[in-house]
Amino acid sequence: MAKQIIPATLTATHGIVADVKAVLGGCDLGLAKAAVVGDALDLSLRSLHRKLSAEGVSFGDLLERERQQRCLLALATQPDLTVSQAMDVLGFEAEGAVRRWFSDAFDMNWRHRKQLVRHQPA
């Protein structure tokens, strides 16, 4: 699946963090598991985690950043984004999961999401 997204030369020309970001940026976050990303980069799960650890970052950190960026972009372009729509954008299977994630990620309730977009730099 994700192998089709990335060019064959990606790993040779970029660092592992950039490679993982590229794969995450091109896939459905609901399917973005470390094993899937590792397969896309022709790495075992263990090798992926080891290489990311050597760079001082975890797969979870990169996935979290990608989710936050997608959320901010979606809210900037669709301020009235519903929780159901956010489920699709962020790769969650339940509205409650979106609400909990949003609260943890941005330290605010989903109902206050428009405030988040107003406070972001242009």
PDB file of N, CA and C in Angstrom:
ATOM      1  N   MET A   1       0.825  -1.187   0.000  1.00  0.00           N
ATOM      2  CA  MET A   1       0.000   0.000   0.000  1.00  0.00           C
ATOM      3  C   MET A   1       0.866   1.247   0.000  1.00  0.00           C
ATOM      4  N   ALA A   2       1.581   1.492   1.075  1.00  0.00           N
ATOM      5  CA  ALA A   2       2.366   2.719   1.191  1.00  0.00           C
ATOM      6  C   ALA A   2       3.590   2.707   0.286  1.00  0.00           C
ATOM      7  N   LYS A   3       4.042   1.535  -0.133  1.00  0.00           N
ATOM      8  CA  LYS A   3       5.212   1.472  -1.005  1.00  0.00           C
ATOM      9  C   LYS A   3       4.970   2.217  -2.309  1.00  0.00           C
ATOM     10  N   GLN A   4       3.752   2.259  -2.762  1.00  0.00           N
ATOM     11  CA  GLN A   4       3.435   2.945  -4.003  1.00  0.00           C
ATOM     12  C   GLN A   4       3.553   4.451  -3.858  1.00  0.00           C
ATOM     13  N   ILE A   5       3.495   4.950  -2.642  1.00  0.00           N
ATOM     14  CA  ILE A   5       3.516   6.383  -2.387  1.00  0.00           C
ATOM     15  C   ILE A   5       4.918   6.956  -2.498  1.00  0.00           C
ATOM     16  N   ILE A   6       5.924   6.184  -2.092  1.00  0.00           N
ATOM     17  CA  ILE A   6       7.275   6.736  -2.013  1.00  0.00           C
ATOM     18  C   ILE A   6       8.154   6.253  -3.151  1.00  0.00           C
ATOM     19  N   PRO A   7       8.982   7.148  -3.678  1.00  0.00           N
ATOM     20  CA  PRO A   7       9.913   6.736  -4.722  1.00  0.00           C
ATOM     21  C   PRO A   7      10.962   5.786  -4.164  1.00  0.00           C
ATOM     22  N   ALA A   8      11.524   4.968  -5.019  1.00  0.00           N
ATOM     23  CA  ALA A   8      12.508   3.980  -4.595  1.00  0.00           C
ATOM     24  C   ALA A   8      13.757   4.613  -3.995  1.00  0.00           C
ATOM     25  N   THR A   9      14.081   5.824  -4.387  1.00  0.00           N
ATOM     26  CA  THR A   9      15.310   6.465  -3.915  1.00  0.00           C
ATOM     27  C   THR A   9      15.132   7.240  -2.620  1.00  0.00           C
ATOM     28  N   LEU A  10      13.948   7.248  -2.059  1.00  0.00           N
ATOM     29  CA  LEU A  10      13.680   8.087  -0.892  1.00  0.00           C
ATOM     30  C   LEU A  10      14.631   7.804   0.260  1.00  0.00           C
ATOM     31  N   THR A  11      14.770   6.550   0.650  1.00  0.00           N
ATOM     32  CA  THR A  11      15.611   6.217   1.790  1.00  0.00           C
ATOM     33  C   THR A  11      17.069   6.554   1.528  1.00  0.00           C
ATOM     34  N   ALA A  12      17.514   6.437   0.319  1.00  0.00           N
ATOM     35  CA  ALA A  12      18.913   6.716   0.011  1.00  0.00           C
ATOM     36  C   ALA A  12      19.236   8.200   0.078  1.00  0.00           C
ATOM     37  N   THR A  13      18.266   9.064  -0.140  1.00  0.00           N
ATOM     38  CA  THR A  13      18.560  10.491  -0.219  1.00  0.00           C
ATOM     39  C   THR A  13      18.111  11.290   0.994  1.00  0.00           C
ATOM     40  N   HIS A  14      17.359  10.708   1.890  1.00  0.00           N
ATOM     41  CA  HIS A  14      16.842  11.416   3.059  1.00  0.00           C
ATOM     42  C   HIS A  14      17.128  10.611   4.318  1.00  0.00           C
ATOM     43  N   GLY A  15      17.011  11.253   5.452  1.00  0.00           N
ATOM     44  CA  GLY A  15      17.136  10.557   6.719  1.00  0.00           C
ATOM     45  C   GLY A  15      15.866   9.799   7.047  1.00  0.00           C
ATOM     46  N   ILE A  16      15.956   8.936   8.027  1.00  0.00           N
ATOM     47  CA  ILE A  16      14.821   8.097   8.397  1.00  0.00           C
ATOM     48  C   ILE A  16      13.624   8.921   8.862  1.00  0.00           C
ATOM     49  N   VAL A  17      13.865  10.010   9.577  1.00  0.00           N
ATOM     50  CA  VAL A  17      12.753  10.837  10.055  1.00  0.00           C
ATOM     51  C   VAL A  17      11.998  11.434   8.872  1.00  0.00           C
ATOM     52  N   ALA A  18      12.726  11.955   7.895  1.00  0.00           N
ATOM     53  CA  ALA A  18      12.087  12.513   6.700  1.00  0.00           C
ATOM     54  C   ALA A  18      11.342  11.433   5.928  1.00  0.00           C
ATOM     55  N   ASP A  19      11.918  10.244   5.877  1.00  0.00           N
ATOM     56  CA  ASP A  19      11.265   9.140   5.173  1.00  0.00           C
ATOM     57  C   ASP A  19       9.942   8.763   5.836  1.00  0.00           C
ATOM     58  N   VAL A  20       9.960   8.649   7.151  1.00  0.00           N
ATOM     59  CA  VAL A  20       8.738   8.291   7.875  1.00  0.00           C
ATOM     60  C   VAL A  20       7.698   9.391   7.710  1.00  0.00           C
ATOM     61  N   LYS A  21       8.125  10.644   7.800  1.00  0.00           N
ATOM     62  CA  LYS A  21       7.186  11.757   7.603  1.00  0.00           C
ATOM     63  C   LYS A  21       6.572  11.708   6.207  1.00  0.00           C
ATOM     64  N   ALA A  22       7.375  11.369   5.211  1.00  0.00           N
ATOM     65  CA  ALA A  22       6.869  11.291   3.836  1.00  0.00           C
ATOM     66  C   ALA A  22       5.814  10.198   3.702  1.00  0.00           C
ATOM     67  N   VAL A  23       6.067   9.053   4.309  1.00  0.00           N
ATOM     68  CA  VAL A  23       5.095   7.960   4.239  1.00  0.00           C
ATOM     69  C   VAL A  23       3.820   8.346   4.986  1.00  0.00           C
ATOM     70  N   LEU A  24       3.968   8.888   6.191  1.00  0.00           N
ATOM     71  CA  LEU A  24       2.793   9.296   6.965  1.00  0.00           C
ATOM     72  C   LEU A  24       1.997  10.371   6.237  1.00  0.00           C
ATOM     73  N   GLY A  25       2.691  11.281   5.588  1.00  0.00           N
ATOM     74  CA  GLY A  25       2.019  12.358   4.874  1.00  0.00           C
ATOM     75  C   GLY A  25       1.206  11.880   3.690  1.00  0.00           C
ATOM     76  N   GLY A  26       1.500  10.695   3.205  1.00  0.00           N
ATOM     77  CA  GLY A  26       0.810  10.189   2.032  1.00  0.00           C
ATOM     78  C   GLY A  26      -0.132   9.038   2.302  1.00  0.00           C
ATOM     79  N   CYS A  27      -0.419   8.768   3.560  1.00  0.00           N
ATOM     80  CA  CYS A  27      -1.293   7.626   3.814  1.00  0.00           C
ATOM     81  C   CYS A  27      -2.435   7.976   4.757  1.00  0.00           C
ATOM     82  N   ASP A  28      -3.410   7.099   4.785  1.00  0.00           N
ATOM     83  CA  ASP A  28      -4.550   7.200   5.694  1.00  0.00           C
ATOM     84  C   ASP A  28      -4.027   6.947   7.103  1.00  0.00           C
ATOM     85  N   LEU A  29      -4.216   7.885   8.011  1.00  0.00           N
ATOM     86  CA  LEU A  29      -3.665   7.738   9.356  1.00  0.00           C
ATOM     87  C   LEU A  29      -4.305   6.588  10.128  1.00  0.00           C
ATOM     88  N   GLY A  30      -5.469   6.155   9.713  1.00  0.00           N
ATOM     89  CA  GLY A  30      -6.079   4.992  10.339  1.00  0.00           C
ATOM     90  C   GLY A  30      -5.309   3.717  10.047  1.00  0.00           C
ATOM     91  N   LEU A  31      -4.558   3.725   8.961  1.00  0.00           N
ATOM     92  CA  LEU A  31      -3.754   2.567   8.575  1.00  0.00           C
ATOM     93  C   LEU A  31      -2.278   2.767   8.875  1.00  0.00           C
ATOM     94  N   ALA A  32      -1.927   3.884   9.456  1.00  0.00           N
ATOM     95  CA  ALA A  32      -0.523   4.247   9.685  1.00  0.00           C
ATOM     96  C   ALA A  32       0.018   3.558  10.927  1.00  0.00           C
ATOM     97  N   LYS A  33       0.407   2.348  10.764  1.00  0.00           N
ATOM     98  CA  LYS A  33       1.026   1.577  11.837  1.00  0.00           C
ATOM     99  C   LYS A  33       2.522   1.495  11.552  1.00  0.00           C
ATOM    100  N   ALA A  34       3.304   1.356  12.594  1.00  0.00           N
ATOM    101  CA  ALA A  34       4.757   1.305  12.433  1.00  0.00           C
ATOM    102  C   ALA A  34       5.165   0.179  11.482  1.00  0.00           C
ATOM    103  N   ALA A  35       4.520  -0.965  11.577  1.00  0.00           N
ATOM    104  CA  ALA A  35       4.866  -2.090  10.708  1.00  0.00           C
ATOM    105  C   ALA A  35       4.594  -1.767   9.241  1.00  0.00           C
ATOM    106  N   VAL A  36       3.503  -1.069   8.965  1.00  0.00           N
ATOM    107  CA  VAL A  36       3.156  -0.693   7.588  1.00  0.00           C
ATOM    108  C   VAL A  36       4.179   0.300   7.046  1.00  0.00           C
ATOM    109  N   VAL A  37       4.543   1.280   7.862  1.00  0.00           N
ATOM    110  CA  VAL A  37       5.539   2.269   7.445  1.00  0.00           C
ATOM    111  C   VAL A  37       6.890   1.589   7.257  1.00  0.00           C
ATOM    112  N   GLY A  38       7.245   0.689   8.159  1.00  0.00           N
ATOM    113  CA  GLY A  38       8.490  -0.060   8.011  1.00  0.00           C
ATOM    114  C   GLY A  38       8.520  -0.842   6.711  1.00  0.00           C
ATOM    115  N   ASP A  39       7.421  -1.514   6.392  1.00  0.00           N
ATOM    116  CA  ASP A  39       7.333  -2.253   5.127  1.00  0.00           C
ATOM    117  C   ASP A  39       7.514  -1.319   3.936  1.00  0.00           C
ATOM    118  N   ALA A  40       6.909  -0.141   4.007  1.00  0.00           N
ATOM    119  CA  ALA A  40       7.013   0.819   2.906  1.00  0.00           C
ATOM    120  C   ALA A  40       8.451   1.271   2.700  1.00  0.00           C
ATOM    121  N   LEU A  41       9.223   1.259   3.763  1.00  0.00           N
ATOM    122  CA  LEU A  41      10.623   1.689   3.689  1.00  0.00           C
ATOM    123  C   LEU A  41      11.584   0.507   3.609  1.00  0.00           C
ATOM    124  N   ASP A  42      11.040  -0.690   3.421  1.00  0.00           N
ATOM    125  CA  ASP A  42      11.837  -1.919   3.377  1.00  0.00           C
ATOM    126  C   ASP A  42      12.665  -2.106   4.640  1.00  0.00           C
ATOM    127  N   LEU A  43      12.050  -1.830   5.779  1.00  0.00           N
ATOM    128  CA  LEU A  43      12.695  -2.014   7.079  1.00  0.00           C
ATOM    129  C   LEU A  43      11.829  -2.912   7.945  1.00  0.00           C
ATOM    130  N   SER A  44      12.476  -3.724   8.761  1.00  0.00           N
ATOM    131  CA  SER A  44      11.708  -4.480   9.748  1.00  0.00           C
ATOM    132  C   SER A  44      11.207  -3.500  10.798  1.00  0.00           C
ATOM    133  N   LEU A  45      10.223  -3.910  11.535  1.00  0.00           N
ATOM    134  CA  LEU A  45       9.685  -3.068  12.595  1.00  0.00           C
ATOM    135  C   LEU A  45      10.784  -2.701  13.590  1.00  0.00           C
ATOM    136  N   ARG A  46      11.590  -3.685  13.933  1.00  0.00           N
ATOM    137  CA  ARG A  46      12.686  -3.441  14.881  1.00  0.00           C
ATOM    138  C   ARG A  46      13.699  -2.441  14.327  1.00  0.00           C
ATOM    139  N   SER A  47      14.060  -2.584  13.057  1.00  0.00           N
ATOM    140  CA  SER A  47      15.018  -1.651  12.441  1.00  0.00           C
ATOM    141  C   SER A  47      14.455  -0.241  12.381  1.00  0.00           C
ATOM    142  N   LEU A  48      13.178  -0.124  12.060  1.00  0.00           N
ATOM    143  CA  LEU A  48      12.542   1.191  12.026  1.00  0.00           C
ATOM    144  C   LEU A  48      12.627   1.855  13.396  1.00  0.00           C
ATOM    145  N   HIS A  49      12.241   1.128  14.427  1.00  0.00           N
ATOM    146  CA  HIS A  49      12.281   1.691  15.782  1.00  0.00           C
ATOM    147  C   HIS A  49      13.716   2.023  16.204  1.00  0.00           C
ATOM    148  N   ARG A  50      14.656   1.173  15.857  1.00  0.00           N
ATOM    149  CA  ARG A  50      16.061   1.412  16.213  1.00  0.00           C
ATOM    150  C   ARG A  50      16.589   2.661  15.533  1.00  0.00           C
ATOM    151  N   LYS A  51      16.300   2.820  14.251  1.00  0.00           N
ATOM    152  CA  LYS A  51      16.779   3.997  13.509  1.00  0.00           C
ATOM    153  C   LYS A  51      16.130   5.279  14.021  1.00  0.00           C
ATOM    154  N   LEU A  52      14.851   5.221  14.308  1.00  0.00           N
ATOM    155  CA  LEU A  52      14.179   6.404  14.852  1.00  0.00           C
ATOM    156  C   LEU A  52      14.728   6.747  16.236  1.00  0.00           C
ATOM    157  N   SER A  53      14.961   5.734  17.043  1.00  0.00           N
ATOM    158  CA  SER A  53      15.517   5.954  18.378  1.00  0.00           C
ATOM    159  C   SER A  53      16.897   6.599  18.294  1.00  0.00           C
ATOM    160  N   ALA A  54      17.685   6.198  17.319  1.00  0.00           N
ATOM    161  CA  ALA A  54      19.014   6.791  17.130  1.00  0.00           C
ATOM    162  C   ALA A  54      18.914   8.274  16.783  1.00  0.00           C
ATOM    163  N   GLU A  55      17.786   8.673  16.205  1.00  0.00           N
ATOM    164  CA  GLU A  55      17.551  10.085  15.871  1.00  0.00           C
ATOM    165  C   GLU A  55      16.844  10.823  17.013  1.00  0.00           C
ATOM    166  N   GLY A  56      16.549  10.106  18.093  1.00  0.00           N
ATOM    167  CA  GLY A  56      15.927  10.728  19.258  1.00  0.00           C
ATOM    168  C   GLY A  56      14.434  10.960  19.132  1.00  0.00           C
ATOM    169  N   VAL A  57      13.778  10.164  18.319  1.00  0.00           N
ATOM    170  CA  VAL A  57      12.340  10.329  18.102  1.00  0.00           C
ATOM    171  C   VAL A  57      11.688   8.949  18.036  1.00  0.00           C
ATOM    172  N   SER A  58      10.415   8.892  18.329  1.00  0.00           N
ATOM    173  CA  SER A  58       9.698   7.621  18.226  1.00  0.00           C
ATOM    174  C   SER A  58       8.674   7.702  17.095  1.00  0.00           C
ATOM    175  N   PHE A  59       8.212   6.547  16.659  1.00  0.00           N
ATOM    176  CA  PHE A  59       7.176   6.512  15.634  1.00  0.00           C
ATOM    177  C   PHE A  59       5.924   7.221  16.140  1.00  0.00           C
ATOM    178  N   GLY A  60       5.594   6.994  17.390  1.00  0.00           N
ATOM    179  CA  GLY A  60       4.423   7.645  17.983  1.00  0.00           C
ATOM    180  C   GLY A  60       4.522   9.161  17.951  1.00  0.00           C
ATOM    181  N   ASP A  61       5.733   9.684  18.192  1.00  0.00           N
ATOM    182  CA  ASP A  61       5.943  11.139  18.124  1.00  0.00           C
ATOM    183  C   ASP A  61       5.647  11.668  16.723  1.00  0.00           C
ATOM    184  N   LEU A  62       6.157  10.970  15.716  1.00  0.00           N
ATOM    185  CA  LEU A  62       5.960  11.418  14.331  1.00  0.00           C
ATOM    186  C   LEU A  62       4.498  11.297  13.912  1.00  0.00           C
ATOM    187  N   LEU A  63       3.843  10.232  14.336  1.00  0.00           N
ATOM    188  CA  LEU A  63       2.422  10.061  14.033  1.00  0.00           C
ATOM    189  C   LEU A  63       1.609  11.165  14.705  1.00  0.00           C
ATOM    190  N   GLU A  64       1.953  11.475  15.935  1.00  0.00           N
ATOM    191  CA  GLU A  64       1.256  12.540  16.668  1.00  0.00           C
ATOM    192  C   GLU A  64       1.426  13.882  15.956  1.00  0.00           C
ATOM    193  N   ARG A  65       2.629  14.200  15.519  1.00  0.00           N
ATOM    194  CA  ARG A  65       2.865  15.464  14.797  1.00  0.00           C
ATOM    195  C   ARG A  65       2.065  15.521  13.504  1.00  0.00           C
ATOM    196  N   GLU A  66       2.021  14.411  12.792  1.00  0.00           N
ATOM    197  CA  GLU A  66       1.254  14.366  11.537  1.00  0.00           C
ATOM    198  C   GLU A  66      -0.231  14.584  11.817  1.00  0.00           C
ATOM    199  N   ARG A  67      -0.742  13.962  12.863  1.00  0.00           N
ATOM    200  CA  ARG A  67      -2.153  14.154  13.225  1.00  0.00           C
ATOM    201  C   ARG A  67      -2.425  15.607  13.576  1.00  0.00           C
ATOM    202  N   GLN A  68      -1.543  16.207  14.369  1.00  0.00           N
ATOM    203  CA  GLN A  68      -1.737  17.605  14.755  1.00  0.00           C
ATOM    204  C   GLN A  68      -1.718  18.513  13.529  1.00  0.00           C
ATOM    205  N   GLN A  69      -0.780  18.280  12.620  1.00  0.00           N
ATOM    206  CA  GLN A  69      -0.700  19.107  11.411  1.00  0.00           C
ATOM    207  C   GLN A  69      -1.948  18.943  10.553  1.00  0.00           C
ATOM    208  N   ARG A  70      -2.403  17.710  10.385  1.00  0.00           N
ATOM    209  CA  ARG A  70      -3.618  17.483   9.583  1.00  0.00           C
ATOM    210  C   ARG A  70      -4.838  18.117  10.236  1.00  0.00           C
ATOM    211  N   CYS A  71      -4.898  18.040  11.539  1.00  0.00           N
ATOM    212  CA  CYS A  71      -6.022  18.630  12.263  1.00  0.00           C
ATOM    213  C   CYS A  71      -6.028  20.145  12.083  1.00  0.00           C
ATOM    214  N   LEU A  72      -4.883  20.780  12.268  1.00  0.00           N
ATOM    215  CA  LEU A  72      -4.800  22.236  12.120  1.00  0.00           C
ATOM    216  C   LEU A  72      -5.142  22.668  10.700  1.00  0.00           C
ATOM    217  N   LEU A  73      -4.649  21.934   9.711  1.00  0.00           N
ATOM    218  CA  LEU A  73      -4.948  22.259   8.318  1.00  0.00           C
ATOM    219  C   LEU A  73      -6.441  22.090   8.036  1.00  0.00           C
ATOM    220  N   ALA A  74      -7.011  20.999   8.513  1.00  0.00           N
ATOM    221  CA  ALA A  74      -8.442  20.761   8.289  1.00  0.00           C
ATOM    222  C   ALA A  74      -9.285  21.843   8.947  1.00  0.00           C
ATOM    223  N   LEU A  75      -8.920  22.237  10.161  1.00  0.00           N
ATOM    224  CA  LEU A  75      -9.680  23.280  10.853  1.00  0.00           C
ATOM    225  C   LEU A  75      -9.480  24.643  10.210  1.00  0.00           C
ATOM    226  N   ALA A  76      -8.307  24.886   9.655  1.00  0.00           N
ATOM    227  CA  ALA A  76      -8.055  26.165   8.983  1.00  0.00           C
ATOM    228  C   ALA A  76      -8.880  26.282   7.709  1.00  0.00           C
ATOM    229  N   THR A  77      -9.070  25.169   7.020  1.00  0.00           N
ATOM    230  CA  THR A  77      -9.819  25.201   5.767  1.00  0.00           C
ATOM    231  C   THR A  77     -11.309  24.943   5.973  1.00  0.00           C
ATOM    232  N   GLN A  78     -11.658  24.268   7.080  1.00  0.00           N
ATOM    233  CA  GLN A  78     -13.059  23.961   7.392  1.00  0.00           C
ATOM    234  C   GLN A  78     -13.313  24.237   8.877  1.00  0.00           C
ATOM    235  N   PRO A  79     -13.496  25.483   9.262  1.00  0.00           N
ATOM    236  CA  PRO A  79     -13.665  25.814  10.685  1.00  0.00           C
ATOM    237  C   PRO A  79     -14.832  25.093  11.358  1.00  0.00           C
ATOM    238  N   ASP A  80     -15.830  24.691  10.586  1.00  0.00           N
ATOM    239  CA  ASP A  80     -16.987  23.993  11.150  1.00  0.00           C
ATOM    240  C   ASP A  80     -16.863  22.475  11.016  1.00  0.00           C
ATOM    241  N   LEU A  81     -15.650  21.986  10.917  1.00  0.00           N
ATOM    242  CA  LEU A  81     -15.391  20.554  10.814  1.00  0.00           C
ATOM    243  C   LEU A  81     -16.090  19.816  11.955  1.00  0.00           C
ATOM    244  N   THR A  82     -16.826  18.781  11.608  1.00  0.00           N
ATOM    245  CA  THR A  82     -17.520  17.997  12.633  1.00  0.00           C
ATOM    246  C   THR A  82     -16.588  16.911  13.170  1.00  0.00           C
ATOM    247  N   VAL A  83     -16.965  16.349  14.288  1.00  0.00           N
ATOM    248  CA  VAL A  83     -16.171  15.258  14.854  1.00  0.00           C
ATOM    249  C   VAL A  83     -16.144  14.080  13.881  1.00  0.00           C
ATOM    250  N   SER A  84     -17.260  13.802  13.232  1.00  0.00           N
ATOM    251  CA  SER A  84     -17.311  12.705  12.259  1.00  0.00           C
ATOM    252  C   SER A  84     -16.336  12.931  11.115  1.00  0.00           C
ATOM    253  N   GLN A  85     -16.275  14.155  10.618  1.00  0.00           N
ATOM    254  CA  GLN A  85     -15.324  14.469   9.548  1.00  0.00           C
ATOM    255  C   GLN A  85     -13.893  14.355  10.057  1.00  0.00           C
ATOM    256  N   ALA A  86     -13.664  14.796  11.276  1.00  0.00           N
ATOM    257  CA  ALA A  86     -12.327  14.712  11.865  1.00  0.00           C
ATOM    258  C   ALA A  86     -11.883  13.261  12.023  1.00  0.00           C
ATOM    259  N   MET A  87     -12.828  12.362  12.281  1.00  0.00           N
ATOM    260  CA  MET A  87     -12.495  10.938  12.379  1.00  0.00           C
ATOM    261  C   MET A  87     -11.806  10.472  11.109  1.00  0.00           C
ATOM    262  N   ASP A  88     -12.340  10.861   9.963  1.00  0.00           N
ATOM    263  CA  ASP A  88     -11.760  10.458   8.685  1.00  0.00           C
ATOM    264  C   ASP A  88     -10.396  11.095   8.464  1.00  0.00           C
ATOM    265  N   VAL A  89     -10.291  12.379   8.750  1.00  0.00           N
ATOM    266  CA  VAL A  89      -9.041  13.114   8.531  1.00  0.00           C
ATOM    267  C   VAL A  89      -7.921  12.572   9.416  1.00  0.00           C
ATOM    268  N   LEU A  90      -8.255  12.257  10.660  1.00  0.00           N
ATOM    269  CA  LEU A  90      -7.241  11.898  11.646  1.00  0.00           C
ATOM    270  C   LEU A  90      -7.033  10.399  11.817  1.00  0.00           C
ATOM    271  N   GLY A  91      -7.873   9.606  11.181  1.00  0.00           N
ATOM    272  CA  GLY A  91      -7.688   8.162  11.227  1.00  0.00           C
ATOM    273  C   GLY A  91      -8.192   7.486  12.489  1.00  0.00           C
ATOM    274  N   PHE A  92      -9.232   8.030  13.086  1.00  0.00           N
ATOM    275  CA  PHE A  92      -9.828   7.420  14.272  1.00  0.00           C
ATOM    276  C   PHE A  92     -11.104   6.691  13.888  1.00  0.00           C
ATOM    277  N   GLU A  93     -11.487   5.719  14.717  1.00  0.00           N
ATOM    278  CA  GLU A  93     -12.687   4.936  14.432  1.00  0.00           C
ATOM    279  C   GLU A  93     -13.888   5.337  15.274  1.00  0.00           C
ATOM    280  N   ALA A  94     -13.682   6.218  16.244  1.00  0.00           N
ATOM    281  CA  ALA A  94     -14.787   6.616  17.122  1.00  0.00           C
ATOM    282  C   ALA A  94     -14.695   8.099  17.451  1.00  0.00           C
ATOM    283  N   GLU A  95     -15.858   8.725  17.574  1.00  0.00           N
ATOM    284  CA  GLU A  95     -15.895  10.147  17.905  1.00  0.00           C
ATOM    285  C   GLU A  95     -15.259  10.422  19.259  1.00  0.00           C
ATOM    286  N   GLY A  96     -15.473   9.527  20.203  1.00  0.00           N
ATOM    287  CA  GLY A  96     -14.877   9.696  21.524  1.00  0.00           C
ATOM    288  C   GLY A  96     -13.357   9.719  21.467  1.00  0.00           C
ATOM    289  N   ALA A  97     -12.792   8.908  20.585  1.00  0.00           N
ATOM    290  CA  ALA A  97     -11.332   8.883  20.432  1.00  0.00           C
ATOM    291  C   ALA A  97     -10.823  10.214  19.890  1.00  0.00           C
ATOM    292  N   VAL A  98     -11.562  10.808  18.953  1.00  0.00           N
ATOM    293  CA  VAL A  98     -11.183  12.122  18.410  1.00  0.00           C
ATOM    294  C   VAL A  98     -11.232  13.164  19.511  1.00  0.00           C
ATOM    295  N   ARG A  99     -12.298  13.158  20.265  1.00  0.00           N
ATOM    296  CA  ARG A  99     -12.459  14.153  21.337  1.00  0.00           C
ATOM    297  C   ARG A  99     -11.349  14.028  22.387  1.00  0.00           C
ATOM    298  N   ARG A 100     -11.043  12.796  22.792  1.00  0.00           N
ATOM    299  CA  ARG A 100      -9.976  12.592  23.784  1.00  0.00           C
ATOM    300  C   ARG A 100      -8.628  13.014  23.222  1.00  0.00           C
ATOM    301  N   TRP A 101      -8.339  12.597  21.978  1.00  0.00           N
ATOM    302  CA  TRP A 101      -7.068  12.966  21.362  1.00  0.00           C
ATOM    303  C   TRP A 101      -6.948  14.483  21.252  1.00  0.00           C
ATOM    304  N   PHE A 102      -7.990  15.131  20.790  1.00  0.00           N
ATOM    305  CA  PHE A 102      -7.964  16.583  20.614  1.00  0.00           C
ATOM    306  C   PHE A 102      -7.707  17.279  21.946  1.00  0.00           C
ATOM    307  N   SER A 103      -8.367  16.828  22.977  1.00  0.00           N
ATOM    308  CA  SER A 103      -8.185  17.412  24.307  1.00  0.00           C
ATOM    309  C   SER A 103      -6.750  17.235  24.796  1.00  0.00           C
ATOM    310  N   ASP A 104      -6.192  16.057  24.592  1.00  0.00           N
ATOM    311  CA  ASP A 104      -4.805  15.802  24.997  1.00  0.00           C
ATOM    312  C   ASP A 104      -3.810  16.583  24.144  1.00  0.00           C
ATOM    313  N   ALA A 105      -4.055  16.631  22.841  1.00  0.00           N
ATOM    314  CA  ALA A 105      -3.108  17.263  21.919  1.00  0.00           C
ATOM    315  C   ALA A 105      -3.088  18.779  22.036  1.00  0.00           C
ATOM    316  N   PHE A 106      -4.250  19.385  22.249  1.00  0.00           N
ATOM    317  CA  PHE A 106      -4.338  20.844  22.208  1.00  0.00           C
ATOM    318  C   PHE A 106      -4.798  21.471  23.526  1.00  0.00           C
ATOM    319  N   ASP A 107      -5.001  20.640  24.528  1.00  0.00           N
ATOM    320  CA  ASP A 107      -5.388  21.112  25.855  1.00  0.00           C
ATOM    321  C   ASP A 107      -6.652  21.973  25.816  1.00  0.00           C
ATOM    322  N   MET A 108      -7.600  21.536  25.006  1.00  0.00           N
ATOM    323  CA  MET A 108      -8.894  22.216  24.948  1.00  0.00           C
ATOM    324  C   MET A 108      -9.958  21.246  24.468  1.00  0.00           C
ATOM    325  N   ASN A 109     -11.182  21.554  24.768  1.00  0.00           N
ATOM    326  CA  ASN A 109     -12.323  20.759  24.372  1.00  0.00           C
ATOM    327  C   ASN A 109     -12.595  20.956  22.880  1.00  0.00           C
ATOM    328  N   TRP A 110     -13.107  19.920  22.227  1.00  0.00           N
ATOM    329  CA  TRP A 110     -13.433  19.991  20.798  1.00  0.00           C
ATOM    330  C   TRP A 110     -14.349  21.171  20.481  1.00  0.00           C
ATOM    331  N   ARG A 111     -15.267  21.490  21.391  1.00  0.00           N
ATOM    332  CA  ARG A 111     -16.200  22.601  21.153  1.00  0.00           C
ATOM    333  C   ARG A 111     -15.472  23.929  20.966  1.00  0.00           C
ATOM    334  N   HIS A 112     -14.264  24.028  21.459  1.00  0.00           N
ATOM    335  CA  HIS A 112     -13.502  25.284  21.377  1.00  0.00           C
ATOM    336  C   HIS A 112     -12.487  25.276  20.230  1.00  0.00           C
ATOM    337  N   ARG A 113     -12.647  24.366  19.290  1.00  0.00           N
ATOM    338  CA  ARG A 113     -11.669  24.189  18.212  1.00  0.00           C
ATOM    339  C   ARG A 113     -11.432  25.442  17.377  1.00  0.00           C
ATOM    340  N   LYS A 114     -12.430  26.275  17.208  1.00  0.00           N
ATOM    341  CA  LYS A 114     -12.263  27.489  16.397  1.00  0.00           C
ATOM    342  C   LYS A 114     -11.256  28.441  17.033  1.00  0.00           C
ATOM    343  N   GLN A 115     -11.151  28.415  18.348  1.00  0.00           N
ATOM    344  CA  GLN A 115     -10.159  29.249  19.034  1.00  0.00           C
ATOM    345  C   GLN A 115      -8.746  28.817  18.660  1.00  0.00           C
ATOM    346  N   LEU A 116      -8.556  27.546  18.472  1.00  0.00           N
ATOM    347  CA  LEU A 116      -7.240  27.019  18.123  1.00  0.00           C
ATOM    348  C   LEU A 116      -6.759  27.590  16.798  1.00  0.00           C
ATOM    349  N   VAL A 117      -7.630  27.624  15.824  1.00  0.00           N
ATOM    350  CA  VAL A 117      -7.265  28.128  14.500  1.00  0.00           C
ATOM    351  C   VAL A 117      -6.984  29.624  14.552  1.00  0.00           C
ATOM    352  N   ARG A 118      -7.730  30.348  15.336  1.00  0.00           N
ATOM    353  CA  ARG A 118      -7.510  31.795  15.462  1.00  0.00           C
ATOM    354  C   ARG A 118      -6.150  32.116  16.046  1.00  0.00           C
ATOM    355  N   HIS A 119      -5.609  31.225  16.868  1.00  0.00           N
ATOM    356  CA  HIS A 119      -4.345  31.486  17.550  1.00  0.00           C
ATOM    357  C   HIS A 119      -3.129  30.963  16.792  1.00  0.00           C
ATOM    358  N   GLN A 120      -3.333  30.334  15.659  1.00  0.00           N
ATOM    359  CA  GLN A 120      -2.213  29.813  14.880  1.00  0.00           C
ATOM    360  C   GLN A 120      -1.616  30.910  14.011  1.00  0.00           C
ATOM    361  N   PRO A 121      -0.267  30.942  13.899  1.00  0.00           N
ATOM    362  CA  PRO A 121       0.360  31.934  13.015  1.00  0.00           C
ATOM    363  C   PRO A 121       0.004  31.673  11.559  1.00  0.00           C
ATOM    364  N   ALA A 122      -0.060  32.733  10.781  1.00  0.00           N
ATOM    365  CA  ALA A 122      -0.440  32.609   9.363  1.00  0.00           C
ATOM    366  C   ALA A 122       0.671  32.030   8.531  1.00  0.00           C
TER     367      ALA A 122
END
